[in-house]
């Protein structure tokens, strides 16, 4: 029977019915090792007992009341996020795109209440991905997402994320903020140089601009720190977070300093579902685990272990793997075939990966992944590489035992 779903996804021919830790079980009964985590969303894997217990208890009490009333669990989650970061305030939403929309509105409004309504333009960077709304596809600037949807939303200017002098030259009288991902995930796990991010911070301070970090994919321990901005020492004014913060439950947050959020007063922004009791309970449960002593340090350690093993894979399979990049457990394999073909080859060996741009396949396993599971994952990647070598007629070694 033909699907009744709008055909905008190139879905693989597999469906899952349950998950446990880093493993998914298909409706056929086959088990897959998941190095995709729902595109870096299932930060604590599947069926995590603390998350399941928390969600079940909250679901039995209250799902939704709306933001017309107090949200005790939301107040608690906001306080914990503020205390763990540079921020003073939090706004909860449902997706990364919504958090990024809030960040852009916040920056524009701050410039306006500061006497500069003309400073509404946002500098963004080529290769960026900030979401799928009309404003966010304009922010990303990628033609494949913009084409066919009418005039591009005004207010965004893209420049390369490499030359600070070019950024300085691009700042005009209408520029109010700079928005960047510390690691560009969608375009191929491109790590932005720490000195470039620190240069953006200095430039924003000198020119009266707001610095926005999109940490939708990099945040909540993914890069071996609670947030990736800590790796560079460049502290933003506004930061957006989603994906891993809900451990699979749809939620996001826009964090900001009190000064950056100065323009957002009662009635200037809002959401129906954002900050609902279910989301807030789960968000707090995720932080219970991620902020526990040693958890993030372990992510950094196993991430380094994974990259070492993958570097060995690159040396062993140079006809397939060109480069290993990333931080923590946000890892990219630049491959010499299409990332879709590579992901399909890995899937044939019951390993899930995520294709990205720049001929990169993302490896973003749950943060709870063990070293043994990483070793097993690399073994399956090796087997996939061997298959691809045979397909292209390249010299091949037997897949690692």
Protein backbone atom coordinates (compact mmCIF):
# COMPACT_ATOMS: atom_id res chain seq x y z
CA UNK A 1 0.00 0.00 0.00
CA UNK A 2 1.28 3.46 -0.89
CA UNK A 3 2.35 5.55 2.12
CA UNK A 4 0.05 8.39 3.19
CA UNK A 5 3.06 10.35 4.50
CA UNK A 6 4.37 13.28 2.45
CA UNK A 7 7.33 11.76 0.55
CA UNK A 8 10.12 14.03 1.80
CA UNK A 9 12.28 11.32 3.41
CA UNK A 10 14.54 8.79 1.70
CA UNK A 11 13.83 6.11 4.29
CA UNK A 12 15.92 2.95 4.55
CA UNK A 13 13.95 -0.27 4.27
CA UNK A 14 14.04 -1.10 7.98
CA UNK A 15 11.70 -0.30 10.88
CA UNK A 16 12.47 -0.55 14.57
CA UNK A 17 10.16 -1.65 17.34
CA UNK A 18 12.31 -1.35 20.47
CA UNK A 19 15.69 -0.23 21.75
CA UNK A 20 18.01 -1.06 24.62
CA UNK A 21 21.12 0.98 25.38
CA UNK A 22 23.00 1.46 22.11
CA UNK A 23 21.05 -1.24 20.26
CA UNK A 24 17.87 -1.14 18.19
CA UNK A 25 15.77 -4.17 17.32
CA UNK A 26 14.01 -4.19 13.96
CA UNK A 27 10.51 -5.49 13.37
CA UNK A 28 12.23 -8.50 11.74
CA UNK A 29 14.03 -9.26 15.01
CA UNK A 30 17.47 -8.19 13.75
CA UNK A 31 19.60 -6.14 16.14
CA UNK A 32 21.49 -3.04 14.99
CA UNK A 33 24.29 -1.21 16.78
CA UNK A 34 23.28 2.45 16.62
CA UNK A 35 26.02 4.99 15.93
CA UNK A 36 23.45 7.54 14.76
CA UNK A 37 21.34 7.96 17.92
CA UNK A 38 18.46 9.44 15.94
CA UNK A 39 20.85 12.11 14.59
CA UNK A 40 22.55 12.77 17.95
CA UNK A 41 19.24 12.81 19.84
CA UNK A 42 19.21 9.61 21.92
CA UNK A 43 22.00 10.91 24.13
CA UNK A 44 21.43 8.28 26.82
CA UNK A 45 20.53 5.50 24.43
CA UNK A 46 17.25 3.63 24.44
CA UNK A 47 15.05 2.59 27.38
CA UNK A 48 17.31 4.30 29.88
CA UNK A 49 15.77 3.31 33.23
CA UNK A 50 15.94 6.78 34.81
CA UNK A 51 14.36 8.45 31.79
CA UNK A 52 11.66 5.78 31.47
CA UNK A 53 10.78 6.01 35.16
CA UNK A 54 10.69 9.81 35.10
CA UNK A 55 8.55 10.01 31.97
CA UNK A 56 6.15 7.33 33.23
CA UNK A 57 5.66 9.02 36.59
CA UNK A 58 5.11 12.45 35.00
CA UNK A 59 2.77 11.04 32.34
CA UNK A 60 0.58 9.60 35.08
CA UNK A 61 0.30 13.05 36.70
CA UNK A 62 0.22 15.85 34.12
CA UNK A 63 1.15 16.32 30.46
CA UNK A 64 0.23 19.91 29.64
CA UNK A 65 -1.07 23.03 31.28
CA UNK A 66 0.28 25.88 29.05
CA UNK A 67 2.60 28.73 29.93
CA UNK A 68 -0.26 30.71 31.45
CA UNK A 69 0.64 28.98 34.71
CA UNK A 70 3.73 28.27 36.79
CA UNK A 71 6.01 25.40 35.69
CA UNK A 72 7.99 24.17 38.73
CA UNK A 73 9.97 21.55 36.80
CA UNK A 74 10.75 24.14 34.14
CA UNK A 75 12.01 26.57 36.78
CA UNK A 76 14.22 23.81 38.14
CA UNK A 77 15.60 22.86 34.73
CA UNK A 78 16.25 26.50 33.81
CA UNK A 79 18.12 27.07 37.06
CA UNK A 80 20.30 23.99 36.54
CA UNK A 81 21.18 25.03 32.97
CA UNK A 82 21.91 28.60 34.02
CA UNK A 83 24.08 27.46 36.93
CA UNK A 84 26.07 25.16 34.60
CA UNK A 85 26.69 27.75 31.86
CA UNK A 86 27.35 31.41 31.09
CA UNK A 87 23.61 32.15 30.89
CA UNK A 88 21.20 34.00 33.16
CA UNK A 89 17.91 33.05 31.51
CA UNK A 90 16.33 30.20 29.54
CA UNK A 91 13.46 29.97 27.05
CA UNK A 92 12.10 26.47 26.37
CA UNK A 93 10.78 25.36 22.98
CA UNK A 94 10.26 22.11 21.08
CA UNK A 95 12.93 21.91 18.37
CA UNK A 96 16.29 23.27 17.35
CA UNK A 97 14.75 25.46 14.67
CA UNK A 98 12.40 27.03 17.22
CA UNK A 99 15.26 27.70 19.61
CA UNK A 100 17.21 29.32 16.77
CA UNK A 101 14.21 31.44 15.79
CA UNK A 102 14.03 32.61 19.41
CA UNK A 103 17.74 33.44 19.35
CA UNK A 104 17.40 35.55 16.21
CA UNK A 105 14.35 37.38 17.55
CA UNK A 106 16.16 37.94 20.84
CA UNK A 107 19.20 39.44 19.13
CA UNK A 108 17.13 41.70 16.89
CA UNK A 109 14.99 42.88 19.77
CA UNK A 110 18.04 43.59 21.95
CA UNK A 111 19.50 45.82 19.27
CA UNK A 112 16.15 47.56 18.84
CA UNK A 113 15.61 48.33 22.54
CA UNK A 114 19.23 49.46 22.66
CA UNK A 115 18.44 52.19 20.14
CA UNK A 116 19.58 50.37 17.00
CA UNK A 117 16.53 48.93 15.23
CA UNK A 118 18.49 49.09 11.97
CA UNK A 119 20.91 46.42 13.29
CA UNK A 120 18.71 43.43 12.50
CA UNK A 121 20.98 41.54 10.11
CA UNK A 122 22.73 38.34 11.23
CA UNK A 123 26.05 37.13 9.87
CA UNK A 124 26.04 33.36 9.36
CA UNK A 125 28.47 30.98 7.70
CA UNK A 126 28.60 28.92 4.54
CA UNK A 127 27.82 25.29 5.22
CA UNK A 128 25.66 26.14 8.22
CA UNK A 129 22.46 24.34 9.08
CA UNK A 130 20.12 26.01 11.58
CA UNK A 131 16.77 24.34 10.85
CA UNK A 132 13.96 24.04 8.34
CA UNK A 133 11.73 27.06 8.96
CA UNK A 134 11.73 29.77 6.30
CA UNK A 135 13.96 32.01 8.43
CA UNK A 136 16.35 29.22 9.34
CA UNK A 137 16.87 28.00 5.78
CA UNK A 138 17.72 31.61 4.96
CA UNK A 139 20.13 31.66 7.89
CA UNK A 140 21.82 28.51 6.61
CA UNK A 141 21.89 29.87 3.10
CA UNK A 142 22.11 26.50 1.34
CA UNK A 143 20.41 26.68 -2.05
CA UNK A 144 19.12 23.09 -1.89
CA UNK A 145 16.95 24.01 1.10
CA UNK A 146 15.86 27.45 -0.17
CA UNK A 147 14.98 26.75 -3.80
CA UNK A 148 11.29 26.75 -4.63
CA UNK A 149 10.04 28.36 -1.42
CA UNK A 150 9.71 31.90 -2.71
CA UNK A 151 11.76 34.95 -1.76
CA UNK A 152 14.50 34.26 0.76
CA UNK A 153 13.76 35.70 4.19
CA UNK A 154 15.79 38.90 4.49
CA UNK A 155 18.29 39.61 7.23
CA UNK A 156 20.99 36.96 6.85
CA UNK A 157 24.41 37.27 5.22
CA UNK A 158 26.68 34.23 4.73
CA UNK A 159 30.48 34.29 4.74
CA UNK A 160 33.19 31.57 4.98
CA UNK A 161 34.05 30.35 8.48
CA UNK A 162 37.77 30.70 8.09
CA UNK A 163 38.94 34.27 7.63
CA UNK A 164 38.38 36.69 10.49
CA UNK A 165 39.34 39.64 8.31
CA UNK A 166 36.52 38.71 5.94
CA UNK A 167 34.11 38.65 8.85
CA UNK A 168 35.25 42.09 9.97
CA UNK A 169 34.78 43.40 6.44
CA UNK A 170 31.30 41.88 6.24
CA UNK A 171 30.07 43.68 9.38
CA UNK A 172 28.02 46.62 8.20
CA UNK A 173 25.81 49.28 9.79
CA UNK A 174 22.88 46.84 9.74
CA UNK A 175 24.70 43.94 11.38
CA UNK A 176 23.41 43.08 14.84
CA UNK A 177 24.70 39.58 15.57
CA UNK A 178 26.88 36.69 14.43
CA UNK A 179 25.49 33.14 14.51
CA UNK A 180 27.65 30.03 14.22
CA UNK A 181 27.82 26.31 15.04
CA UNK A 182 31.07 25.51 16.92
CA UNK A 183 31.09 22.30 14.87
CA UNK A 184 29.08 22.22 11.66
CA UNK A 185 27.34 18.86 11.84
CA UNK A 186 25.10 18.71 8.79
CA UNK A 187 27.81 19.92 6.43
CA UNK A 188 30.30 17.26 7.51
CA UNK A 189 31.40 17.57 11.16
CA UNK A 190 33.55 20.58 10.34
CA UNK A 191 35.28 21.73 13.53
CA UNK A 192 35.55 25.52 13.64
CA UNK A 193 39.00 26.61 14.81
CA UNK A 194 38.99 27.78 18.46
CA UNK A 195 41.02 30.89 17.58
CA UNK A 196 38.38 31.82 14.98
CA UNK A 197 35.61 31.56 17.58
CA UNK A 198 37.64 33.63 20.04
CA UNK A 199 38.17 36.18 17.27
CA UNK A 200 34.40 36.37 16.75
CA UNK A 201 33.97 37.05 20.46
CA UNK A 202 36.46 39.93 20.33
CA UNK A 203 34.84 41.33 17.19
CA UNK A 204 31.38 41.24 18.76
CA UNK A 205 32.66 43.04 21.84
CA UNK A 206 34.36 45.70 19.72
CA UNK A 207 31.40 46.30 17.38
CA UNK A 208 28.49 45.95 19.79
CA UNK A 209 27.25 42.70 18.27
CA UNK A 210 25.68 39.67 19.90
CA UNK A 211 27.35 36.28 19.49
CA UNK A 212 24.98 33.32 19.03
CA UNK A 213 26.19 29.73 19.23
CA UNK A 214 23.99 27.05 17.71
CA UNK A 215 24.74 24.05 19.92
CA UNK A 216 21.68 22.09 18.85
CA UNK A 217 23.87 19.12 17.92
CA UNK A 218 27.09 19.79 19.85
CA UNK A 219 25.61 20.38 23.29
CA UNK A 220 24.79 18.32 26.39
CA UNK A 221 28.08 16.42 26.61
CA UNK A 222 28.30 15.39 22.95
CA UNK A 223 31.76 16.92 22.43
CA UNK A 224 33.35 15.85 25.71
CA UNK A 225 32.31 19.03 27.52
CA UNK A 226 28.84 20.01 28.66
CA UNK A 227 28.81 22.48 25.75
CA UNK A 228 31.25 22.86 22.88
CA UNK A 229 31.88 26.56 23.57
CA UNK A 230 33.96 25.41 26.53
CA UNK A 231 36.50 23.85 24.15
CA UNK A 232 37.38 27.24 22.66
CA UNK A 233 36.87 29.55 25.62
CA UNK A 234 34.73 31.78 23.41
CA UNK A 235 31.60 32.48 25.45
CA UNK A 236 28.44 33.41 23.51
CA UNK A 237 25.70 35.83 24.51
CA UNK A 238 22.99 33.46 23.30
CA UNK A 239 23.12 29.68 22.84
CA UNK A 240 20.60 27.24 21.43
CA UNK A 241 20.34 23.62 22.53
CA UNK A 242 18.13 20.72 21.42
CA UNK A 243 18.61 17.10 20.30
CA UNK A 244 20.43 15.47 23.25
CA UNK A 245 18.83 17.60 25.96
CA UNK A 246 15.62 15.57 25.81
CA UNK A 247 17.24 12.19 25.33
CA UNK A 248 14.69 11.50 22.58
CA UNK A 249 11.82 13.61 23.87
CA UNK A 250 11.28 16.70 21.65
CA UNK A 251 12.47 19.77 23.48
CA UNK A 252 14.92 22.64 23.11
CA UNK A 253 16.14 25.70 24.96
CA UNK A 254 17.54 29.11 24.12
CA UNK A 255 19.97 30.25 26.83
CA UNK A 256 21.09 33.85 27.14
CA UNK A 257 22.65 36.47 29.34
CA UNK A 258 20.24 38.88 30.99
CA UNK A 259 21.52 41.68 28.77
CA UNK A 260 21.02 39.71 25.55
CA UNK A 261 17.45 38.83 26.55
CA UNK A 262 16.67 42.38 27.63
CA UNK A 263 14.18 43.02 24.82
CA UNK A 264 12.04 39.94 25.36
CA UNK A 265 9.31 41.06 27.73
CA UNK A 266 5.78 39.79 28.35
CA UNK A 267 4.00 39.16 25.05
CA UNK A 268 7.00 39.58 22.73
CA UNK A 269 7.50 35.83 22.24
CA UNK A 270 5.94 32.56 23.32
CA UNK A 271 5.06 28.95 22.66
CA UNK A 272 2.12 26.63 23.27
CA UNK A 273 3.98 23.40 23.93
CA UNK A 274 7.45 24.59 24.91
CA UNK A 275 8.37 23.91 28.53
CA UNK A 276 5.50 21.46 29.07
CA UNK A 277 5.58 19.26 32.20
CA UNK A 278 6.57 16.09 30.31
CA UNK A 279 9.49 17.77 28.55
CA UNK A 280 10.72 19.47 31.70
CA UNK A 281 10.64 16.26 33.72
CA UNK A 282 12.64 14.43 31.04
CA UNK A 283 15.10 17.30 30.64
CA UNK A 284 15.83 17.22 34.34
CA UNK A 285 16.28 13.45 34.19
CA UNK A 286 18.81 13.82 31.37
CA UNK A 287 20.76 16.35 33.43
CA UNK A 288 20.67 14.01 36.43
CA UNK A 289 22.75 11.59 34.36
CA UNK A 290 24.90 13.96 32.29
CA UNK A 291 25.89 16.16 35.24
CA UNK A 292 26.76 13.19 37.47
CA UNK A 293 30.42 13.06 38.52
CA UNK A 294 32.63 11.63 35.81
CA UNK A 295 30.01 11.27 33.07
CA UNK A 296 31.26 13.97 30.68
CA UNK A 297 34.91 13.14 31.40
CA UNK A 298 34.10 9.59 30.34
CA UNK A 299 32.56 10.86 27.09
CA UNK A 300 35.81 12.69 26.32
CA UNK A 301 37.82 9.59 27.11
CA UNK A 302 35.80 7.13 25.02
CA UNK A 303 35.59 9.72 22.24
CA UNK A 304 39.39 9.84 22.08
CA UNK A 305 39.46 6.03 22.12
CA UNK A 306 36.96 5.93 19.23
CA UNK A 307 38.93 8.41 17.12
CA UNK A 308 42.12 6.43 17.70
CA UNK A 309 40.46 3.22 16.49
CA UNK A 310 38.97 5.06 13.52
CA UNK A 311 42.38 6.49 12.61
CA UNK A 312 43.62 2.89 12.49
CA UNK A 313 40.67 2.08 10.24
CA UNK A 314 41.66 4.95 7.93
CA UNK A 315 45.22 3.60 7.71
CA UNK A 316 43.90 0.12 6.98
CA UNK A 317 41.27 1.23 4.42
CA UNK A 318 42.79 4.25 2.60
CA UNK A 319 40.76 3.54 -0.55
CA UNK A 320 37.54 4.19 1.38
CA UNK A 321 38.31 6.41 4.40
CA UNK A 322 40.03 9.76 3.77
CA UNK A 323 39.84 11.54 7.14
CA UNK A 324 38.64 11.29 10.72
CA UNK A 325 37.39 14.51 12.33
CA UNK A 326 35.37 15.72 15.30
CA UNK A 327 35.37 16.10 19.08
CA UNK A 328 34.15 13.79 21.82
CA UNK A 329 31.48 11.48 20.43
CA UNK A 330 30.66 13.77 17.50
CA UNK A 331 32.82 12.14 14.85
CA UNK A 332 32.93 12.41 11.07
CA UNK A 333 34.44 9.95 8.61
CA UNK A 334 35.24 11.61 5.29
CA UNK A 335 34.88 8.82 2.75
CA UNK A 336 35.88 8.32 -0.88
CA UNK A 337 32.48 6.99 -1.88
CA UNK A 338 29.13 8.68 -1.37
CA UNK A 339 28.11 8.91 2.31
CA UNK A 340 24.79 7.30 1.38
CA UNK A 341 26.56 4.29 -0.12
CA UNK A 342 28.82 4.04 2.91
CA UNK A 343 25.86 4.23 5.31
CA UNK A 344 24.09 1.52 3.31
CA UNK A 345 27.19 -0.69 3.46
CA UNK A 346 27.43 -0.20 7.22
CA UNK A 347 23.72 -0.91 7.59
CA UNK A 348 24.23 -4.22 5.77
CA UNK A 349 26.48 -5.12 8.71
CA UNK A 350 23.82 -3.97 11.19
CA UNK A 351 25.51 -0.67 12.06
CA UNK A 352 23.62 2.64 11.81
CA UNK A 353 25.40 5.83 10.74
CA UNK A 354 24.26 9.26 9.48
CA UNK A 355 25.25 10.68 6.06
CA UNK A 356 26.28 14.35 6.00
CA UNK A 357 27.79 16.87 3.61
CA UNK A 358 31.38 17.01 2.35
CA UNK A 359 31.35 13.24 1.73
CA UNK A 360 31.19 12.63 5.47
CA UNK A 361 29.39 9.99 7.49
CA UNK A 362 28.56 11.02 11.05
CA UNK A 363 29.20 8.69 13.97
CA UNK A 364 27.24 10.05 16.93
CA UNK A 365 26.49 7.07 19.21
CA UNK A 366 24.66 7.43 22.51
CA UNK A 367 26.96 8.97 25.12
CA UNK A 368 26.66 5.77 27.18
CA UNK A 369 28.42 3.69 24.50
CA UNK A 370 31.05 1.32 25.91
CA UNK A 371 34.57 0.76 24.62
CA UNK A 372 33.57 -2.78 23.69
CA UNK A 373 30.67 -1.43 21.62
CA UNK A 374 33.00 1.04 19.94
CA UNK A 375 35.37 -1.78 19.07
CA UNK A 376 32.46 -3.77 17.66
CA UNK A 377 31.28 -0.74 15.71
CA UNK A 378 34.71 -0.23 14.15
CA UNK A 379 34.81 -3.94 13.26
CA UNK A 380 31.53 -3.53 11.39
CA UNK A 381 32.80 -0.36 9.70
CA UNK A 382 35.86 -2.31 8.61
CA UNK A 383 33.64 -5.00 7.09
CA UNK A 384 31.64 -2.30 5.27
CA UNK A 385 34.89 -0.80 3.93
CA UNK A 386 35.94 -4.22 2.67
CA UNK A 387 32.64 -4.54 0.79
CA UNK A 388 33.11 -1.09 -0.75
CA UNK A 389 36.70 -1.88 -1.76
CA UNK A 390 35.51 -4.97 -3.59
CA UNK A 391 32.75 -2.96 -5.28
CA UNK A 392 35.22 -0.40 -6.67
CA UNK A 393 37.90 -2.97 -7.45
CA UNK A 394 40.40 -1.53 -4.98
CA UNK A 395 43.02 -3.69 -3.26
CA UNK A 396 41.33 -5.10 -0.16
CA UNK A 397 42.32 -6.75 3.07
CA UNK A 398 40.09 -9.22 4.80
CA UNK A 399 37.76 -7.48 7.28
CA UNK A 400 39.18 -7.38 10.80
CA UNK A 401 38.23 -10.35 12.92
